[in-house]
Amino acid sequence: MAPVLRAERVWVETFTGLRMTQFSGLLRVVRERGGNGTLRGRPWSLPLAERVLMVAVYYRTNLTMRQLGPLFGVSSSTVCRVIQRLGPLLALEPVSRTTDAPDRMWIVDGTLIPVRDRGVGASSRNYRFSANVQVIVDAETRLVVAVARPVPGNTADARAWRNSGLAEHCEGVTVLGDGAYINTGLVVPHRKRPGRPLLKGEEEDNAAHRKVRARVEHVFSRMKNYKILRDCRQRGDGLHHVVQAVARMHNLALAA
């Protein structure tokens, strides 16, 4: 039997990783962005709530469309159309500069996502065909602030950051990066000089830097509970829409 929104709460929580209140927030965003369309022409075989649930289940489980079709009682082609239509509507809005920007601390890092699309990915250091996605995370709340468009996985983090356009969202905010972001304007750890060890104060700074920067790795770990980020079969802009949607669902699950 197809799972529907009026079914037991455990269905939504098990298949999406979101509580009912959080899923309702996701549904509201899609509806406000025109998820129901113009309501002209041939109607969808599923109501909007079930279509949003289908997309969330797809991102969470990475089931194929042939597997999702029987689960929701529709054809695999309908599943494809639903994902292509609603996936971009789940995109995360980048956070702009706020009045308390000088008091904020953000962390940036890149994560490698295995992809099938040869036009998006490249053979990279994880020995897989991957794309590099730059992500900004709030150090205090661990919420995702912004996500860049994917670049080939063999692109260095510093270059990916410079070309991402995310710097404009960081005006006045302290942004931490690891040693790969030297000469990018971010706060990076001290480097050892040839034949000279780090000073005691520099070692302490690096220890504090590592402790804070580890939070972005925790965020990546939580985001990759959505298994589509372990092997993305989407092509073209599909990966970008996937990461944006997963970031939004991560924020919903963390904030509520």
C-alpha atoms as a PDB file:
ATOM      1  CA  MET A   1       0.000   0.000   0.000  1.00  0.00           C
ATOM      2  CA  ALA A   2       1.338   3.445  -0.878  1.00  0.00           C
ATOM      3  CA  PRO A   3       2.514   5.442   2.154  1.00  0.00           C
ATOM      4  CA  VAL A   4       0.460   8.647   2.557  1.00  0.00           C
ATOM      5  CA  LEU A   5       0.786  11.624   4.826  1.00  0.00           C
ATOM      6  CA  ARG A   6      -2.243  10.638   6.910  1.00  0.00           C
ATOM      7  CA  ALA A   7      -0.610   7.302   7.759  1.00  0.00           C
ATOM      8  CA  GLU A   8       1.123   6.710  11.058  1.00  0.00           C
ATOM      9  CA  ARG A   9       3.798   9.203  12.034  1.00  0.00           C
ATOM     10  CA  VAL A  10       6.448   6.475  11.915  1.00  0.00           C
ATOM     11  CA  TRP A  11       6.199   6.286   8.109  1.00  0.00           C
ATOM     12  CA  VAL A  12       7.392   9.849   7.570  1.00  0.00           C
ATOM     13  CA  GLU A  13      10.061   9.662  10.282  1.00  0.00           C
ATOM     14  CA  THR A  14      11.409   6.319   9.066  1.00  0.00           C
ATOM     15  CA  PHE A  15      11.552   7.170   5.374  1.00  0.00           C
ATOM     16  CA  THR A  16      12.707  10.802   5.570  1.00  0.00           C
ATOM     17  CA  GLY A  17      14.525  11.254   8.890  1.00  0.00           C
ATOM     18  CA  LEU A  18      12.215  14.211   9.643  1.00  0.00           C
ATOM     19  CA  ARG A  19       9.556  14.565  12.306  1.00  0.00           C
ATOM     20  CA  MET A  20       6.037  15.394  11.171  1.00  0.00           C
ATOM     21  CA  THR A  21       6.373  19.062  12.153  1.00  0.00           C
ATOM     22  CA  GLN A  22       9.626  19.311  10.195  1.00  0.00           C
ATOM     23  CA  PHE A  23       8.126  17.586   7.178  1.00  0.00           C
ATOM     24  CA  SER A  24       5.189  20.002   7.351  1.00  0.00           C
ATOM     25  CA  GLY A  25       7.694  22.864   7.111  1.00  0.00           C
ATOM     26  CA  LEU A  26       9.228  21.257   4.040  1.00  0.00           C
ATOM     27  CA  LEU A  27       5.787  20.854   2.493  1.00  0.00           C
ATOM     28  CA  ARG A  28       4.951  24.489   3.195  1.00  0.00           C
ATOM     29  CA  VAL A  29       8.101  25.684   1.411  1.00  0.00           C
ATOM     30  CA  VAL A  30       7.278  23.648  -1.702  1.00  0.00           C
ATOM     31  CA  ARG A  31       3.679  24.868  -1.734  1.00  0.00           C
ATOM     32  CA  GLU A  32       4.745  28.520  -1.378  1.00  0.00           C
ATOM     33  CA  ARG A  33       7.165  28.089  -4.283  1.00  0.00           C
ATOM     34  CA  GLY A  34       4.440  26.849  -6.587  1.00  0.00           C
ATOM     35  CA  GLY A  35       4.801  23.105  -6.169  1.00  0.00           C
ATOM     36  CA  ASN A  36       1.196  22.591  -7.232  1.00  0.00           C
ATOM     37  CA  GLY A  37       1.781  24.481 -10.471  1.00  0.00           C
ATOM     38  CA  THR A  38      -1.087  26.187 -12.267  1.00  0.00           C
ATOM     39  CA  LEU A  39      -3.477  23.249 -11.651  1.00  0.00           C
ATOM     40  CA  ARG A  40      -4.186  23.224 -15.403  1.00  0.00           C
ATOM     41  CA  GLY A  41      -3.922  20.251 -17.698  1.00  0.00           C
ATOM     42  CA  ARG A  42      -3.618  16.669 -16.574  1.00  0.00           C
ATOM     43  CA  PRO A  43      -3.563  16.475 -12.743  1.00  0.00           C
ATOM     44  CA  TRP A  44      -0.890  14.618 -10.808  1.00  0.00           C
ATOM     45  CA  SER A  45      -1.851  11.117  -9.696  1.00  0.00           C
ATOM     46  CA  LEU A  46      -0.599  11.922  -6.169  1.00  0.00           C
ATOM     47  CA  PRO A  47      -1.373  14.913  -3.923  1.00  0.00           C
ATOM     48  CA  LEU A  48       1.423  17.390  -3.221  1.00  0.00           C
ATOM     49  CA  ALA A  49       2.171  15.979   0.242  1.00  0.00           C
ATOM     50  CA  GLU A  50       2.870  12.532  -1.171  1.00  0.00           C
ATOM     51  CA  ARG A  51       4.972  13.943  -3.992  1.00  0.00           C
ATOM     52  CA  VAL A  52       7.140  15.861  -1.515  1.00  0.00           C
ATOM     53  CA  LEU A  53       7.375  12.698   0.578  1.00  0.00           C
ATOM     54  CA  MET A  54       8.496  10.802  -2.519  1.00  0.00           C
ATOM     55  CA  VAL A  55      11.344  13.267  -3.165  1.00  0.00           C
ATOM     56  CA  ALA A  56      12.441  13.171   0.485  1.00  0.00           C
ATOM     57  CA  VAL A  57      12.405   9.360   0.464  1.00  0.00           C
ATOM     58  CA  TYR A  58      14.442   9.324  -2.750  1.00  0.00           C
ATOM     59  CA  TYR A  59      17.108  11.575  -1.242  1.00  0.00           C
ATOM     60  CA  ARG A  60      17.167   9.687   2.038  1.00  0.00           C
ATOM     61  CA  THR A  61      17.285   6.127   0.703  1.00  0.00           C
ATOM     62  CA  ASN A  62      18.668   6.547  -2.848  1.00  0.00           C
ATOM     63  CA  LEU A  63      16.248   3.899  -4.071  1.00  0.00           C
ATOM     64  CA  THR A  64      15.923   3.668  -7.830  1.00  0.00           C
ATOM     65  CA  MET A  65      12.846   5.069  -9.518  1.00  0.00           C
ATOM     66  CA  ARG A  66      11.743   1.545 -10.394  1.00  0.00           C
ATOM     67  CA  GLN A  67      11.800   0.746  -6.678  1.00  0.00           C
ATOM     68  CA  LEU A  68      10.015   3.934  -5.625  1.00  0.00           C
ATOM     69  CA  GLY A  69       7.225   3.513  -8.181  1.00  0.00           C
ATOM     70  CA  PRO A  70       5.577   0.430  -6.586  1.00  0.00           C
ATOM     71  CA  LEU A  71       6.101   1.922  -3.116  1.00  0.00           C
ATOM     72  CA  PHE A  72       3.953   4.922  -4.034  1.00  0.00           C
ATOM     73  CA  GLY A  73       1.681   3.127  -6.493  1.00  0.00           C
ATOM     74  CA  VAL A  74       2.850   5.025  -9.592  1.00  0.00           C
ATOM     75  CA  SER A  75       5.056   4.366 -12.597  1.00  0.00           C
ATOM     76  CA  SER A  76       8.795   4.964 -12.605  1.00  0.00           C
ATOM     77  CA  SER A  77       8.334   7.703 -15.221  1.00  0.00           C
ATOM     78  CA  THR A  78       5.969   9.521 -12.847  1.00  0.00           C
ATOM     79  CA  VAL A  79       8.577   9.270 -10.097  1.00  0.00           C
ATOM     80  CA  CYS A  80      11.130  10.818 -12.455  1.00  0.00           C
ATOM     81  CA  ARG A  81       8.826  13.706 -13.344  1.00  0.00           C
ATOM     82  CA  VAL A  82       8.015  14.387  -9.696  1.00  0.00           C
ATOM     83  CA  ILE A  83      11.683  14.485  -8.702  1.00  0.00           C
ATOM     84  CA  GLN A  84      12.611  16.730 -11.641  1.00  0.00           C
ATOM     85  CA  ARG A  85       9.707  19.082 -10.851  1.00  0.00           C
ATOM     86  CA  LEU A  86       9.934  19.334  -7.063  1.00  0.00           C
ATOM     87  CA  GLY A  87      13.641  18.758  -6.388  1.00  0.00           C
ATOM     88  CA  PRO A  88      14.696  22.343  -7.308  1.00  0.00           C
ATOM     89  CA  LEU A  89      11.901  23.760  -5.102  1.00  0.00           C
ATOM     90  CA  LEU A  90      13.588  22.371  -1.987  1.00  0.00           C
ATOM     91  CA  ALA A  91      16.700  24.493  -2.542  1.00  0.00           C
ATOM     92  CA  LEU A  92      18.283  26.211   0.450  1.00  0.00           C
ATOM     93  CA  GLU A  93      18.340  30.017   0.417  1.00  0.00           C
ATOM     94  CA  PRO A  94      21.868  31.304   1.172  1.00  0.00           C
ATOM     95  CA  VAL A  95      22.053  33.362   4.368  1.00  0.00           C
ATOM     96  CA  SER A  96      22.896  37.007   3.719  1.00  0.00           C
ATOM     97  CA  ARG A  97      24.955  39.267   5.990  1.00  0.00           C
ATOM     98  CA  THR A  98      23.169  40.040   9.260  1.00  0.00           C
ATOM     99  CA  THR A  99      23.574  42.810  11.821  1.00  0.00           C
ATOM    100  CA  ASP A 100      25.458  40.471  14.161  1.00  0.00           C
ATOM    101  CA  ALA A 101      27.861  39.353  11.420  1.00  0.00           C
ATOM    102  CA  PRO A 102      31.020  40.456  13.337  1.00  0.00           C
ATOM    103  CA  ASP A 103      30.019  38.110  16.155  1.00  0.00           C
ATOM    104  CA  ARG A 104      29.389  35.105  13.898  1.00  0.00           C
ATOM    105  CA  MET A 105      31.859  32.396  12.942  1.00  0.00           C
ATOM    106  CA  TRP A 106      31.384  30.253   9.865  1.00  0.00           C
ATOM    107  CA  ILE A 107      33.354  27.270   8.592  1.00  0.00           C
ATOM    108  CA  VAL A 108      33.923  26.347   4.963  1.00  0.00           C
ATOM    109  CA  ASP A 109      35.066  23.029   3.580  1.00  0.00           C
ATOM    110  CA  GLY A 110      34.663  20.913   0.492  1.00  0.00           C
ATOM    111  CA  THR A 111      33.193  17.437   0.403  1.00  0.00           C
ATOM    112  CA  LEU A 112      33.514  14.855  -2.357  1.00  0.00           C
ATOM    113  CA  ILE A 113      30.280  13.330  -3.652  1.00  0.00           C
ATOM    114  CA  PRO A 114      30.473  10.292  -5.967  1.00  0.00           C
ATOM    115  CA  VAL A 115      28.573  10.960  -9.200  1.00  0.00           C
ATOM    116  CA  ARG A 116      27.759   9.146 -12.420  1.00  0.00           C
ATOM    117  CA  ASP A 117      27.712  12.219 -14.670  1.00  0.00           C
ATOM    118  CA  ARG A 118      31.060  12.532 -16.434  1.00  0.00           C
ATOM    119  CA  GLY A 119      30.292  16.166 -17.204  1.00  0.00           C
ATOM    120  CA  VAL A 120      30.164  17.068 -13.498  1.00  0.00           C
ATOM    121  CA  GLY A 121      32.702  14.817 -11.773  1.00  0.00           C
ATOM    122  CA  ALA A 122      36.302  13.725 -12.199  1.00  0.00           C
ATOM    123  CA  SER A 123      38.566  11.046 -10.808  1.00  0.00           C
ATOM    124  CA  SER A 124      39.624  12.373  -7.402  1.00  0.00           C
ATOM    125  CA  ARG A 125      41.552  11.547  -4.258  1.00  0.00           C
ATOM    126  CA  ASN A 126      38.840   9.234  -2.914  1.00  0.00           C
ATOM    127  CA  TYR A 127      39.587   6.947  -5.901  1.00  0.00           C
ATOM    128  CA  ARG A 128      36.087   7.482  -7.243  1.00  0.00           C
ATOM    129  CA  PHE A 129      34.501   9.662  -9.898  1.00  0.00           C
ATOM    130  CA  SER A 130      33.379  12.560  -7.708  1.00  0.00           C
ATOM    131  CA  ALA A 131      32.367  16.207  -7.558  1.00  0.00           C
ATOM    132  CA  ASN A 132      33.704  18.768  -5.078  1.00  0.00           C
ATOM    133  CA  VAL A 133      30.991  20.786  -3.304  1.00  0.00           C
ATOM    134  CA  GLN A 134      31.913  23.749  -1.107  1.00  0.00           C
ATOM    135  CA  VAL A 135      29.704  24.151   1.957  1.00  0.00           C
ATOM    136  CA  ILE A 136      29.539  26.944   4.567  1.00  0.00           C
ATOM    137  CA  VAL A 137      28.373  25.963   8.058  1.00  0.00           C
ATOM    138  CA  ASP A 138      27.585  28.132  11.080  1.00  0.00           C
ATOM    139  CA  ALA A 139      30.042  27.103  13.806  1.00  0.00           C
ATOM    140  CA  GLU A 140      27.588  27.742  16.639  1.00  0.00           C
ATOM    141  CA  THR A 141      24.366  26.230  15.303  1.00  0.00           C
ATOM    142  CA  ARG A 142      25.881  23.740  12.804  1.00  0.00           C
ATOM    143  CA  LEU A 143      23.296  24.882  10.263  1.00  0.00           C
ATOM    144  CA  VAL A 144      24.272  24.999   6.597  1.00  0.00           C
ATOM    145  CA  VAL A 145      24.572  28.618   5.495  1.00  0.00           C
ATOM    146  CA  ALA A 146      25.209  28.213   1.770  1.00  0.00           C
ATOM    147  CA  VAL A 147      26.210  25.604  -0.801  1.00  0.00           C
ATOM    148  CA  ALA A 148      28.219  26.204  -3.969  1.00  0.00           C
ATOM    149  CA  ARG A 149      27.654  24.594  -7.329  1.00  0.00           C
ATOM    150  CA  PRO A 150      29.640  21.353  -7.742  1.00  0.00           C
ATOM    151  CA  VAL A 151      32.950  21.329  -9.559  1.00  0.00           C
ATOM    152  CA  PRO A 152      35.042  18.320 -10.686  1.00  0.00           C
ATOM    153  CA  GLY A 153      36.439  16.375  -7.748  1.00  0.00           C
ATOM    154  CA  ASN A 154      40.067  16.956  -8.749  1.00  0.00           C
ATOM    155  CA  THR A 155      39.645  20.723  -8.214  1.00  0.00           C
ATOM    156  CA  ALA A 156      41.628  22.064  -5.255  1.00  0.00           C
ATOM    157  CA  ASP A 157      39.521  23.465  -2.422  1.00  0.00           C
ATOM    158  CA  ALA A 158      41.130  26.914  -2.677  1.00  0.00           C
ATOM    159  CA  ARG A 159      40.318  27.180  -6.377  1.00  0.00           C
ATOM    160  CA  ALA A 160      36.815  25.805  -5.869  1.00  0.00           C
ATOM    161  CA  TRP A 161      36.234  28.420  -3.155  1.00  0.00           C
ATOM    162  CA  ARG A 162      37.493  31.323  -5.277  1.00  0.00           C
ATOM    163  CA  ASN A 163      35.230  30.311  -8.159  1.00  0.00           C
ATOM    164  CA  SER A 164      32.201  29.490  -6.010  1.00  0.00           C
ATOM    165  CA  GLY A 165      30.924  33.039  -5.503  1.00  0.00           C
ATOM    166  CA  LEU A 166      30.228  32.271  -1.837  1.00  0.00           C
ATOM    167  CA  ALA A 167      32.619  34.935  -0.568  1.00  0.00           C
ATOM    168  CA  GLU A 168      29.930  37.593  -1.091  1.00  0.00           C
ATOM    169  CA  HIS A 169      27.821  35.887   1.591  1.00  0.00           C
ATOM    170  CA  CYS A 170      30.662  36.187   4.111  1.00  0.00           C
ATOM    171  CA  GLU A 171      31.070  39.962   4.289  1.00  0.00           C
ATOM    172  CA  GLY A 172      32.118  40.869   7.821  1.00  0.00           C
ATOM    173  CA  VAL A 173      31.932  37.275   9.084  1.00  0.00           C
ATOM    174  CA  THR A 174      34.935  35.337  10.395  1.00  0.00           C
ATOM    175  CA  VAL A 175      35.301  32.258   8.181  1.00  0.00           C
ATOM    176  CA  LEU A 176      37.528  29.305   9.068  1.00  0.00           C
ATOM    177  CA  GLY A 177      39.118  26.945   6.581  1.00  0.00           C
ATOM    178  CA  ASP A 178      41.696  24.194   6.744  1.00  0.00           C
ATOM    179  CA  GLY A 179      45.233  24.333   5.388  1.00  0.00           C
ATOM    180  CA  ALA A 180      43.989  23.951   1.823  1.00  0.00           C
ATOM    181  CA  TYR A 181      42.581  27.510   1.862  1.00  0.00           C
ATOM    182  CA  ILE A 182      45.845  29.434   2.236  1.00  0.00           C
ATOM    183  CA  ASN A 183      45.843  32.854   0.532  1.00  0.00           C
ATOM    184  CA  THR A 184      42.060  32.920   0.167  1.00  0.00           C
ATOM    185  CA  GLY A 185      41.347  35.421   2.952  1.00  0.00           C
ATOM    186  CA  LEU A 186      40.018  32.754   5.321  1.00  0.00           C
ATOM    187  CA  VAL A 187      41.344  32.018   8.801  1.00  0.00           C
ATOM    188  CA  VAL A 188      43.604  28.984   8.373  1.00  0.00           C
ATOM    189  CA  PRO A 189      45.951  27.139  10.763  1.00  0.00           C
ATOM    190  CA  HIS A 190      49.587  28.143  11.153  1.00  0.00           C
ATOM    191  CA  ARG A 191      52.015  26.252   8.933  1.00  0.00           C
ATOM    192  CA  LYS A 192      55.383  24.903   9.984  1.00  0.00           C
ATOM    193  CA  ARG A 193      58.323  26.693   8.456  1.00  0.00           C
ATOM    194  CA  PRO A 194      61.245  24.662   7.077  1.00  0.00           C
ATOM    195  CA  GLY A 195      63.500  23.617   9.961  1.00  0.00           C
ATOM    196  CA  ARG A 196      61.511  25.612  12.529  1.00  0.00           C
ATOM    197  CA  PRO A 197      58.778  24.134  14.749  1.00  0.00           C
ATOM    198  CA  LEU A 198      55.621  26.021  15.565  1.00  0.00           C
ATOM    199  CA  LEU A 199      55.707  28.342  18.528  1.00  0.00           C
ATOM    200  CA  LYS A 200      53.710  27.357  21.594  1.00  0.00           C
ATOM    201  CA  GLY A 201      51.098  30.020  20.917  1.00  0.00           C
ATOM    202  CA  GLU A 202      50.746  28.837  17.311  1.00  0.00           C
ATOM    203  CA  GLU A 203      50.245  25.250  18.421  1.00  0.00           C
ATOM    204  CA  GLU A 204      47.506  26.370  20.802  1.00  0.00           C
ATOM    205  CA  ASP A 205      45.870  28.383  18.027  1.00  0.00           C
ATOM    206  CA  ASN A 206      45.928  25.347  15.743  1.00  0.00           C
ATOM    207  CA  ALA A 207      44.416  23.116  18.428  1.00  0.00           C
ATOM    208  CA  ALA A 208      41.567  25.582  18.959  1.00  0.00           C
ATOM    209  CA  HIS A 209      41.133  25.899  15.177  1.00  0.00           C
ATOM    210  CA  ARG A 210      40.876  22.109  14.752  1.00  0.00           C
ATOM    211  CA  LYS A 211      38.341  21.840  17.559  1.00  0.00           C
ATOM    212  CA  VAL A 212      36.014  24.355  15.926  1.00  0.00           C
ATOM    213  CA  ARG A 213      36.582  23.242  12.340  1.00  0.00           C
ATOM    214  CA  ALA A 214      35.687  19.649  13.211  1.00  0.00           C
ATOM    215  CA  ARG A 215      32.047  20.765  13.361  1.00  0.00           C
ATOM    216  CA  VAL A 216      31.844  20.984   9.571  1.00  0.00           C
ATOM    217  CA  GLU A 217      32.888  17.330   9.369  1.00  0.00           C
ATOM    218  CA  HIS A 218      30.063  16.472  11.768  1.00  0.00           C
ATOM    219  CA  VAL A 219      27.663  18.285   9.439  1.00  0.00           C
ATOM    220  CA  PHE A 220      28.942  16.353   6.417  1.00  0.00           C
ATOM    221  CA  SER A 221      28.454  13.119   8.335  1.00  0.00           C
ATOM    222  CA  ARG A 222      24.841  14.017   9.112  1.00  0.00           C
ATOM    223  CA  MET A 223      24.132  15.159   5.558  1.00  0.00           C
ATOM    224  CA  LYS A 224      25.471  11.905   4.139  1.00  0.00           C
ATOM    225  CA  ASN A 225      22.845  10.000   6.091  1.00  0.00           C
ATOM    226  CA  TYR A 226      20.915  10.976   2.955  1.00  0.00           C
ATOM    227  CA  LYS A 227      22.343   8.186   0.863  1.00  0.00           C
ATOM    228  CA  ILE A 228      21.998  10.010  -2.429  1.00  0.00           C
ATOM    229  CA  LEU A 229      25.159  11.914  -1.405  1.00  0.00           C
ATOM    230  CA  ARG A 230      27.042   8.601  -1.395  1.00  0.00           C
ATOM    231  CA  ASP A 231      26.260   7.799  -5.023  1.00  0.00           C
ATOM    232  CA  CYS A 232      24.342  10.446  -6.950  1.00  0.00           C
ATOM    233  CA  ARG A 233      22.775   9.246 -10.192  1.00  0.00           C
ATOM    234  CA  GLN A 234      21.337  12.655 -11.128  1.00  0.00           C
ATOM    235  CA  ARG A 235      22.798  14.428 -14.136  1.00  0.00           C
ATOM    236  CA  GLY A 236      23.354  18.034 -15.127  1.00  0.00           C
ATOM    237  CA  ASP A 237      22.088  20.389 -12.416  1.00  0.00           C
ATOM    238  CA  GLY A 238      20.631  17.418 -10.547  1.00  0.00           C
ATOM    239  CA  LEU A 239      23.520  17.144  -8.070  1.00  0.00           C
ATOM    240  CA  HIS A 240      23.283  20.841  -7.222  1.00  0.00           C
ATOM    241  CA  HIS A 241      19.558  20.502  -6.531  1.00  0.00           C
ATOM    242  CA  VAL A 242      20.197  17.397  -4.438  1.00  0.00           C
ATOM    243  CA  VAL A 243      22.802  19.046  -2.203  1.00  0.00           C
ATOM    244  CA  GLN A 244      20.638  22.144  -1.769  1.00  0.00           C
ATOM    245  CA  ALA A 245      17.632  20.037  -0.771  1.00  0.00           C
ATOM    246  CA  VAL A 246      19.633  17.847   1.599  1.00  0.00           C
ATOM    247  CA  ALA A 247      21.075  20.969   3.239  1.00  0.00           C
ATOM    248  CA  ARG A 248      17.554  22.292   3.808  1.00  0.00           C
ATOM    249  CA  MET A 249      16.386  19.003   5.311  1.00  0.00           C
ATOM    250  CA  HIS A 250      19.487  18.882   7.500  1.00  0.00           C
ATOM    251  CA  ASN A 251      18.693  22.369   8.784  1.00  0.00           C
ATOM    252  CA  LEU A 252      15.063  21.441   9.431  1.00  0.00           C
ATOM    253  CA  ALA A 253      16.063  18.337  11.373  1.00  0.00           C
ATOM    254  CA  LEU A 254      18.666  20.249  13.401  1.00  0.00           C
ATOM    255  CA  ALA A 255      16.757  23.452  14.123  1.00  0.00           C
ATOM    256  CA  ALA A 256      13.419  22.045  15.280  1.00  0.00           C
END
